[in-house]
Amino acid sequence: MAIARQRIRLPQGAWRSAAGSLTKGDLWDGDDIARLEREFAAYIGTEDAVTVPSGRAGFRFLFDSLQLEPGAEVICSAFGYPVVPYLIKSLGYKVKFVDCEMQTLGMDPNQLAAAISQDTGAVIGTHLYGVPCQIDRIAASADASGAALIEDCAHCYGAAVGDRKVGSFGVAGCFSFETSKVINTMGGGVVTVYKKELGDRIRDLAGKEPRNGMKWLGKRLATTTFESLVTNPLLFNLGVYQALRLAPKGEDNERFASGYHGDEVSMSGKMGRYTNYQAGLGLKGMRSVGEVVARRKANAERLITNLDDIIKFQKPAGPDVFANYMLVTAIVPNLLALSDRLLKNGIDTKHLYMRDCSRMLDAPSAFPNAERAEKEVLHIPAHPHMSFAQIDAMSATIRRIVETA
C-alpha cells in the first residue's frame, strides 16, 4: 500500500463543535480565545500570547507593533518560506539574507554574527520542519546588537532547546495552526510575546479586523474535510496516488503545488478575526498533542536510525535540543531521480516546500548552502499515524533503492 507524504486530520469534533457554537452563539466571540492565549503563553513560557487569523497576518501585526525605524534592516535566513521576506519587503523594510547551515537547515549563527550591525532592526530565526535552529546563539548576536529577535515557529510547537520552548527566546514567536501543522485549527495561529505591552498592541490590531462570516467557516470546514479525505490511506491509494504518478515532472514542479511569487504576500483570505470556535479546537489540540508529538518523534528517530548510514538527515544541533519532527528531512544530491523512484515504489515525498529566498528576491550575494538545500531537501513520510512496521518496511524499500541507484 502506498504511503502519503503527510496525513491531515480534521480536528476532533470540528463539524459538531461548529453546530454547537452556532446554537450557543459563541462561534465568533467567547471565553475560549482568552483561555487559549493564557494556556499557550504559559506553555511556551512567555508573558503573553495573541491569537491571529493567519501566520502572515501575525507577522504583519507584529511588525506594525514593533515600531522599527522606517527602512530598517531585517535579517532572514536565505533558506526558508519565501512569503516571509516578501512580506517584510512589502512593509518597507530592507531584507538582508544570511546563509543556512546544513545540519539544522536554520540560520548559520557564525554568518549572522558577521552580518549583523547597528543598522539591523530585527532578526528572524526560523525553526524548520520541527528542528530548532541554533536559537540561543542567534539570540546572543541579536541581543549584542540591540536587534529585536523574532522566532518563526510555524513548524515547531513543543520543540525546545534545553529547558526553554522555542518561541520564548526573542521578543516574539509566530506559530501556525494551519491544517498540516502540529496543532490544527483550520487556519490561524498565535504570536507569543516577551512583554505584554507588545501583545496589547498586536491584540488591538487583530481586534479591529472584521469577522469573516459563515461563507468563510463553510469553506474552511469543507477544505479541511477534503484534505483529510484525500490523505486517508484508502482514498489516497484508490485515486490520489495514481494521479501523483501521472503528474508531470520537472525541476520546479512540486506535485499539486505552485511556485512562489511576489503577489503571494496578498492578504486576501488571510485576514479577518480568529474565532472563538477555532480557539476551542486549539485548546483540545493542546491537551492531546503530547502523545501525537511523542509518536511523531519516535517514528522520525526510527526512520533516521534505519537509514543514517546511507542518507544524511537534518538533525538537532545538540543532545539538549528537542525536535518535534513535523517533517523528516533527508538531504540527497539526486533528489528528483530519487523522489521519482520512491513514488513508483509507493512512497510519496515532498520537496520545494522551502526555497532559496535570496535567489527569488534577487539578492546581491550567493548563498551556497541555501542553494544546495533547495536542490537536495527531501521530506520522507513518518507521520504519527504510521506504525513501526510501516516505518521499517519503508526503510527497507528506501535502502534498496538508494543502494542500487
Protein backbone atom coordinates (compact mmCIF):
# COMPACT_ATOMS: atom_id res chain seq x y z
CA MET A 1 0.00 0.00 0.00
CA ALA A 2 1.34 3.45 -0.94
CA ILE A 3 2.18 5.95 1.82
CA ALA A 4 1.17 9.61 1.54
CA ARG A 5 3.71 12.31 2.31
CA GLN A 6 1.53 13.54 5.19
CA ARG A 7 -1.72 12.73 6.95
CA ILE A 8 -4.08 15.61 7.63
CA ARG A 9 -6.80 15.04 10.18
CA LEU A 10 -9.96 17.05 10.64
CA PRO A 11 -9.86 18.48 14.20
CA GLN A 12 -11.79 16.30 16.62
CA GLY A 13 -15.48 17.24 16.59
CA ALA A 14 -14.97 20.08 14.09
CA TRP A 15 -18.41 19.90 12.47
CA ARG A 16 -20.21 19.11 15.73
CA SER A 17 -18.45 21.94 17.55
CA ALA A 18 -19.37 24.37 14.79
CA ALA A 19 -23.04 23.45 15.07
CA GLY A 20 -22.89 23.72 18.86
CA SER A 21 -21.22 27.11 18.74
CA LEU A 22 -23.82 28.40 16.32
CA THR A 23 -26.56 27.23 18.66
CA LYS A 24 -24.94 28.78 21.73
CA GLY A 25 -23.97 31.96 19.91
CA ASP A 26 -20.26 31.80 20.82
CA LEU A 27 -18.83 30.87 17.43
CA TRP A 28 -17.18 34.25 16.81
CA ASP A 29 -16.56 35.62 20.31
CA GLY A 30 -16.27 33.90 23.68
CA ASP A 31 -14.09 32.82 26.57
CA ASP A 32 -12.06 30.22 24.66
CA ILE A 33 -9.93 32.85 22.90
CA ALA A 34 -8.60 34.29 26.16
CA ARG A 35 -8.25 30.79 27.61
CA LEU A 36 -6.19 29.60 24.64
CA GLU A 37 -3.98 32.69 24.82
CA ARG A 38 -3.32 32.16 28.55
CA GLU A 39 -2.60 28.45 28.24
CA PHE A 40 -0.40 28.94 25.18
CA ALA A 41 1.69 31.65 26.85
CA ALA A 42 2.06 29.54 29.99
CA TYR A 43 3.16 26.50 27.96
CA ILE A 44 5.72 28.40 25.88
CA GLY A 45 6.92 30.46 28.85
CA THR A 46 6.13 34.00 27.71
CA GLU A 47 4.29 36.87 29.32
CA ASP A 48 1.50 36.93 26.74
CA ALA A 49 0.18 35.29 23.56
CA VAL A 50 -2.22 36.68 20.96
CA THR A 51 -4.39 34.71 18.52
CA VAL A 52 -4.19 35.86 14.89
CA PRO A 53 -6.12 34.90 11.73
CA SER A 54 -3.07 33.56 9.84
CA GLY A 55 0.68 33.28 10.10
CA ARG A 56 1.34 36.13 7.67
CA ALA A 57 -1.25 38.30 9.44
CA GLY A 58 0.63 37.61 12.67
CA PHE A 59 3.87 38.80 11.09
CA ARG A 60 2.15 41.89 9.75
CA PHE A 61 0.57 42.79 13.10
CA LEU A 62 3.89 42.14 14.81
CA PHE A 63 5.93 44.39 12.53
CA ASP A 64 3.29 47.09 12.72
CA SER A 65 3.60 46.89 16.52
CA LEU A 66 7.40 46.71 16.88
CA GLN A 67 7.80 50.35 15.85
CA LEU A 68 11.06 49.80 13.99
CA GLU A 69 12.69 52.68 12.16
CA PRO A 70 11.33 53.11 8.61
CA GLY A 71 13.51 51.19 6.17
CA ALA A 72 15.25 49.25 8.95
CA GLU A 73 17.27 46.17 8.05
CA VAL A 74 15.67 42.79 8.80
CA ILE A 75 17.88 39.70 8.61
CA CYS A 76 16.35 36.41 7.44
CA SER A 77 17.80 33.01 6.61
CA ALA A 78 18.38 32.65 2.89
CA PHE A 79 16.65 29.25 3.06
CA GLY A 80 13.07 29.49 4.21
CA TYR A 81 9.45 30.21 3.38
CA PRO A 82 9.53 32.91 0.68
CA VAL A 83 6.35 34.64 1.83
CA VAL A 84 8.16 35.91 4.95
CA PRO A 85 10.87 38.00 3.21
CA TYR A 86 8.38 39.05 0.53
CA LEU A 87 6.10 40.35 3.27
CA ILE A 88 8.92 42.12 5.13
CA LYS A 89 9.99 43.82 1.91
CA SER A 90 6.41 44.85 1.12
CA LEU A 91 6.21 46.58 4.52
CA GLY A 92 9.10 48.87 3.54
CA TYR A 93 11.98 47.17 5.35
CA LYS A 94 15.31 46.19 3.87
CA VAL A 95 15.73 42.41 3.72
CA LYS A 96 19.22 41.07 4.32
CA PHE A 97 19.98 37.36 3.99
CA VAL A 98 22.32 35.09 5.91
CA ASP A 99 23.09 31.56 4.70
CA CYS A 100 21.74 28.47 6.44
CA GLU A 101 23.77 25.67 7.94
CA MET A 102 23.29 22.12 6.67
CA GLN A 103 22.75 20.29 9.98
CA THR A 104 19.68 22.13 11.30
CA LEU A 105 18.94 23.94 7.99
CA GLY A 106 18.41 27.04 10.12
CA MET A 107 20.31 30.32 10.01
CA ASP A 108 24.07 29.91 10.42
CA PRO A 109 24.90 31.71 13.71
CA ASN A 110 28.53 32.32 12.66
CA GLN A 111 27.44 34.10 9.49
CA LEU A 112 24.80 36.06 11.40
CA ALA A 113 27.48 37.32 13.80
CA ALA A 114 29.45 38.61 10.81
CA ALA A 115 26.42 40.16 9.05
CA ILE A 116 24.56 41.85 11.90
CA SER A 117 25.18 45.54 12.51
CA GLN A 118 23.80 48.62 14.21
CA ASP A 119 21.55 49.06 11.16
CA THR A 120 19.79 45.78 11.94
CA GLY A 121 16.35 46.36 13.39
CA ALA A 122 15.24 42.73 13.62
CA VAL A 123 16.45 39.16 13.09
CA ILE A 124 14.06 36.36 12.14
CA GLY A 125 15.25 32.97 13.38
CA THR A 126 13.26 30.23 11.63
CA HIS A 127 12.88 26.72 13.06
CA LEU A 128 12.36 24.46 10.06
CA TYR A 129 10.41 21.20 9.90
CA GLY A 130 10.26 20.78 13.68
CA VAL A 131 14.03 21.02 14.29
CA PRO A 132 15.09 24.16 16.20
CA CYS A 133 17.80 26.35 14.72
CA GLN A 134 20.69 27.40 16.99
CA ILE A 135 18.42 29.97 18.56
CA ASP A 136 20.49 30.52 21.70
CA ARG A 137 23.49 31.67 19.63
CA ILE A 138 21.26 33.69 17.29
CA ALA A 139 19.68 35.36 20.33
CA ALA A 140 23.11 36.28 21.69
CA SER A 141 24.01 38.08 18.44
CA ALA A 142 20.67 39.89 18.32
CA ASP A 143 20.98 40.99 21.95
CA ALA A 144 24.53 42.24 21.44
CA SER A 145 23.47 44.45 18.53
CA GLY A 146 20.18 45.61 20.04
CA ALA A 147 18.10 43.97 17.29
CA ALA A 148 14.67 42.50 18.00
CA LEU A 149 14.72 38.71 17.71
CA ILE A 150 11.61 37.14 16.16
CA GLU A 151 11.18 33.37 16.06
CA ASP A 152 9.30 31.75 13.19
CA CYS A 153 7.88 28.71 14.98
CA ALA A 154 5.29 27.67 12.40
CA HIS A 155 6.61 24.08 12.39
CA CYS A 156 7.87 23.82 15.93
CA TYR A 157 5.13 23.75 18.57
CA GLY A 158 6.56 21.81 21.52
CA ALA A 159 10.19 21.89 20.37
CA ALA A 160 12.74 23.10 22.90
CA VAL A 161 16.37 23.97 23.49
CA GLY A 162 17.39 22.93 26.97
CA ASP A 163 14.57 23.82 29.34
CA ARG A 164 13.18 26.59 27.10
CA LYS A 165 10.48 26.16 24.49
CA VAL A 166 11.01 27.74 21.08
CA GLY A 167 9.00 30.93 20.92
CA SER A 168 10.41 32.16 24.24
CA PHE A 169 13.90 33.27 23.16
CA GLY A 170 13.05 36.54 21.41
CA VAL A 171 10.66 39.46 21.67
CA ALA A 172 8.07 37.37 19.82
CA GLY A 173 7.40 33.96 18.31
CA CYS A 174 4.98 33.24 15.44
CA PHE A 175 3.10 29.91 15.45
CA SER A 176 0.80 28.50 12.77
CA PHE A 177 -2.39 26.46 13.19
CA GLU A 178 -2.84 25.56 9.52
CA THR A 179 -4.11 22.10 8.64
CA SER A 180 -0.71 20.44 8.25
CA LYS A 181 0.72 21.83 11.49
CA VAL A 182 1.11 20.09 14.84
CA ILE A 183 -1.98 21.90 16.17
CA ASN A 184 -4.70 22.29 13.53
CA THR A 185 -7.50 24.83 13.93
CA MET A 186 -8.11 25.03 10.17
CA GLY A 187 -6.10 28.23 9.94
CA GLY A 188 -4.91 30.97 12.21
CA GLY A 189 -2.11 30.97 14.72
CA VAL A 190 -0.61 32.61 17.78
CA VAL A 191 2.07 35.24 18.37
CA THR A 192 3.85 34.79 21.70
CA VAL A 193 5.42 37.95 23.15
CA TYR A 194 8.00 38.60 25.82
CA LYS A 195 6.27 41.76 27.07
CA LYS A 196 2.54 42.26 27.48
CA GLU A 197 2.75 45.82 26.09
CA LEU A 198 3.69 44.37 22.70
CA GLY A 199 0.93 41.80 23.00
CA ASP A 200 -1.62 44.51 23.69
CA ARG A 201 -0.60 46.40 20.53
CA ILE A 202 -0.91 43.25 18.42
CA ARG A 203 -4.24 42.37 20.06
CA ASP A 204 -5.57 45.83 19.30
CA LEU A 205 -4.71 45.47 15.59
CA ALA A 206 -6.13 41.94 15.43
CA GLY A 207 -9.30 43.07 17.20
CA LYS A 208 -10.00 45.67 14.53
CA GLU A 209 -10.33 43.01 11.85
CA PRO A 210 -13.89 42.21 10.70
CA ARG A 211 -15.46 38.79 11.08
CA ASN A 212 -15.10 36.51 8.09
CA GLY A 213 -18.67 35.19 8.19
CA MET A 214 -20.42 31.90 7.53
CA LYS A 215 -19.08 31.55 3.98
CA TRP A 216 -15.54 31.54 5.35
CA LEU A 217 -16.45 28.96 8.00
CA GLY A 218 -18.07 26.67 5.48
CA LYS A 219 -15.07 26.91 3.17
CA ARG A 220 -12.60 26.12 5.97
CA LEU A 221 -14.61 23.09 7.09
CA ALA A 222 -15.05 21.83 3.53
CA THR A 223 -11.37 22.34 2.61
CA THR A 224 -10.05 20.62 5.72
CA THR A 225 -12.51 17.75 5.31
CA PHE A 226 -11.33 17.31 1.72
CA GLU A 227 -7.66 17.33 2.79
CA SER A 228 -8.36 14.73 5.46
CA LEU A 229 -10.14 12.52 2.94
CA VAL A 230 -7.51 12.62 0.19
CA THR A 231 -4.71 11.84 2.67
CA ASN A 232 -6.70 8.98 4.19
CA PRO A 233 -4.77 5.79 3.29
CA LEU A 234 -7.72 4.16 1.50
CA LEU A 235 -8.67 7.14 -0.68
CA PHE A 236 -5.03 8.05 -1.24
CA ASN A 237 -4.37 4.61 -2.72
CA LEU A 238 -7.59 4.50 -4.75
CA GLY A 239 -7.09 7.79 -6.54
CA VAL A 240 -4.54 10.33 -5.35
CA TYR A 241 -1.52 8.05 -5.63
CA GLN A 242 -2.41 7.21 -9.23
CA ALA A 243 -2.76 10.92 -10.06
CA LEU A 244 0.62 11.66 -8.48
CA ARG A 245 2.30 9.03 -10.60
CA LEU A 246 0.80 10.51 -13.77
CA ALA A 247 1.51 14.15 -12.86
CA PRO A 248 4.14 15.95 -15.00
CA LYS A 249 7.66 16.01 -13.60
CA GLY A 250 10.10 18.89 -13.72
CA GLU A 251 12.81 20.65 -11.77
CA ASP A 252 10.47 23.35 -10.44
CA ASN A 253 7.33 21.20 -10.34
CA GLU A 254 6.21 20.26 -6.88
CA ARG A 255 3.27 17.95 -7.47
CA PHE A 256 -0.07 19.62 -6.67
CA ALA A 257 1.67 22.82 -5.55
CA SER A 258 2.63 26.06 -7.25
CA GLY A 259 5.81 28.05 -7.16
CA TYR A 260 6.17 31.18 -5.08
CA HIS A 261 5.65 34.66 -6.45
CA GLY A 262 5.72 38.15 -5.03
CA ASP A 263 1.96 38.51 -5.31
CA GLU A 264 1.58 35.79 -2.68
CA VAL A 265 2.08 38.44 0.02
CA SER A 266 -1.50 39.41 -0.69
CA MET A 267 -3.56 39.32 2.48
CA SER A 268 -6.66 38.13 0.60
CA GLY A 269 -8.13 35.28 2.62
CA LYS A 270 -5.52 35.67 5.35
CA MET A 271 -7.09 38.42 7.42
CA GLY A 272 -10.27 38.59 9.45
CA ARG A 273 -10.65 37.71 13.09
CA TYR A 274 -9.63 34.48 14.80
CA THR A 275 -12.79 32.84 16.10
CA ASN A 276 -13.80 31.53 19.50
CA TYR A 277 -14.76 28.31 17.70
CA GLN A 278 -11.19 27.85 16.42
CA ALA A 279 -9.82 28.62 19.88
CA GLY A 280 -11.90 25.75 21.26
CA LEU A 281 -10.34 23.43 18.69
CA GLY A 282 -6.91 24.76 19.67
CA LEU A 283 -7.49 24.02 23.36
CA LYS A 284 -8.46 20.44 22.52
CA GLY A 285 -5.37 20.19 20.34
CA MET A 286 -3.06 21.43 23.07
CA ARG A 287 -4.42 18.87 25.52
CA SER A 288 -3.95 15.91 23.19
CA VAL A 289 -0.85 16.91 21.24
CA GLY A 290 1.71 15.44 23.65
CA GLU A 291 1.02 11.85 22.62
CA VAL A 292 0.99 12.79 18.93
CA VAL A 293 4.34 14.59 19.16
CA ALA A 294 5.87 11.67 21.08
CA ARG A 295 4.78 9.26 18.35
CA ARG A 296 5.97 11.62 15.62
CA LYS A 297 9.38 11.85 17.29
CA ALA A 298 9.62 8.07 17.79
CA ASN A 299 8.77 7.40 14.13
CA ALA A 300 11.25 10.00 12.92
CA GLU A 301 14.09 8.70 15.07
CA ARG A 302 13.38 5.11 13.98
CA LEU A 303 13.46 6.10 10.31
CA ILE A 304 16.65 8.12 10.73
CA THR A 305 18.35 5.32 12.68
CA ASN A 306 17.37 2.79 10.00
CA LEU A 307 18.93 4.85 7.20
CA ASP A 308 21.55 7.06 8.84
CA ASP A 309 24.44 5.11 7.34
CA ILE A 310 23.37 5.81 3.75
CA ILE A 311 21.40 9.08 3.90
CA LYS A 312 22.20 12.43 5.51
CA PHE A 313 19.33 13.82 7.60
CA GLN A 314 18.52 17.19 9.17
CA LYS A 315 19.26 16.86 12.88
CA PRO A 316 19.18 18.97 16.07
CA ALA A 317 22.31 20.91 16.98
CA GLY A 318 22.89 19.05 20.26
CA PRO A 319 21.62 16.46 22.74
CA ASP A 320 19.70 19.06 24.75
CA VAL A 321 17.55 20.03 21.73
CA PHE A 322 14.07 18.51 21.50
CA ALA A 323 12.69 18.32 17.94
CA ASN A 324 9.05 17.54 17.20
CA TYR A 325 9.92 16.34 13.65
CA MET A 326 6.91 17.82 11.91
CA LEU A 327 8.65 16.51 8.79
CA VAL A 328 11.57 14.11 8.46
CA THR A 329 14.08 15.75 6.17
CA ALA A 330 16.70 13.95 4.11
CA ILE A 331 19.44 15.77 2.24
CA VAL A 332 20.10 13.92 -1.01
CA PRO A 333 22.09 15.05 -4.06
CA ASN A 334 19.90 13.16 -6.57
CA LEU A 335 16.57 14.46 -5.27
CA LEU A 336 14.45 14.38 -8.43
CA ALA A 337 15.55 10.93 -9.54
CA LEU A 338 15.23 9.50 -6.04
CA SER A 339 11.79 11.01 -5.39
CA ASP A 340 10.54 9.62 -8.70
CA ARG A 341 11.82 6.12 -7.89
CA LEU A 342 10.34 6.30 -4.40
CA LEU A 343 6.94 7.31 -5.79
CA LYS A 344 6.99 4.36 -8.20
CA ASN A 345 7.60 2.15 -5.18
CA GLY A 346 4.68 3.56 -3.20
CA ILE A 347 6.44 6.28 -1.16
CA ASP A 348 5.15 9.80 -1.72
CA THR A 349 7.66 12.53 -0.78
CA LYS A 350 7.70 16.32 -0.71
CA HIS A 351 10.24 18.87 -1.88
CA LEU A 352 10.42 22.59 -2.72
CA TYR A 353 8.49 23.40 0.46
CA MET A 354 11.18 25.94 1.40
CA ARG A 355 13.28 27.78 -1.14
CA ASP A 356 16.47 29.74 -1.65
CA CYS A 357 14.75 33.05 -0.95
CA SER A 358 17.84 35.08 -1.83
CA ARG A 359 17.64 33.89 -5.42
CA MET A 360 13.92 34.58 -5.61
CA LEU A 361 14.33 38.13 -4.29
CA ASP A 362 17.40 38.80 -6.45
CA ALA A 363 19.77 39.27 -3.52
CA PRO A 364 23.20 40.62 -4.50
CA SER A 365 25.13 37.70 -2.97
CA ALA A 366 25.00 33.94 -3.48
CA PHE A 367 24.31 31.64 -0.56
CA PRO A 368 25.66 28.17 -1.39
CA ASN A 369 24.01 26.24 1.44
CA ALA A 370 20.59 27.72 0.68
CA GLU A 371 21.06 26.89 -2.99
CA ARG A 372 22.09 23.35 -2.07
CA ALA A 373 19.22 22.90 0.38
CA GLU A 374 16.63 23.89 -2.22
CA LYS A 375 18.02 21.24 -4.58
CA GLU A 376 18.60 18.47 -2.04
CA VAL A 377 15.99 18.67 0.76
CA LEU A 378 13.51 15.79 0.50
CA HIS A 379 10.77 15.06 3.06
CA ILE A 380 10.09 11.38 3.74
CA PRO A 381 6.80 10.38 5.42
CA ALA A 382 6.98 9.35 9.08
CA HIS A 383 3.76 10.86 10.39
CA PRO A 384 2.39 9.66 13.73
CA HIS A 385 -0.33 7.53 12.10
CA MET A 386 2.31 5.17 10.70
CA SER A 387 3.29 2.05 12.65
CA PHE A 388 6.86 0.95 13.35
CA ALA A 389 6.23 -1.94 10.96
CA GLN A 390 5.41 0.56 8.20
CA ILE A 391 8.47 2.63 9.05
CA ASP A 392 10.70 -0.45 8.88
CA ALA A 393 9.20 -1.70 5.61
CA MET A 394 9.52 1.74 4.05
CA SER A 395 13.11 1.99 5.29
CA ALA A 396 13.96 -1.31 3.63
CA THR A 397 12.49 -0.09 0.34
CA ILE A 398 14.42 3.18 0.52
CA ARG A 399 17.65 1.35 1.35
CA ARG A 400 17.22 -0.95 -1.65
CA ILE A 401 16.55 1.99 -3.99
CA VAL A 402 19.48 4.08 -2.69
CA GLU A 403 21.97 1.23 -2.72
CA THR A 404 21.07 0.22 -6.26
CA ALA A 405 20.94 3.75 -7.68
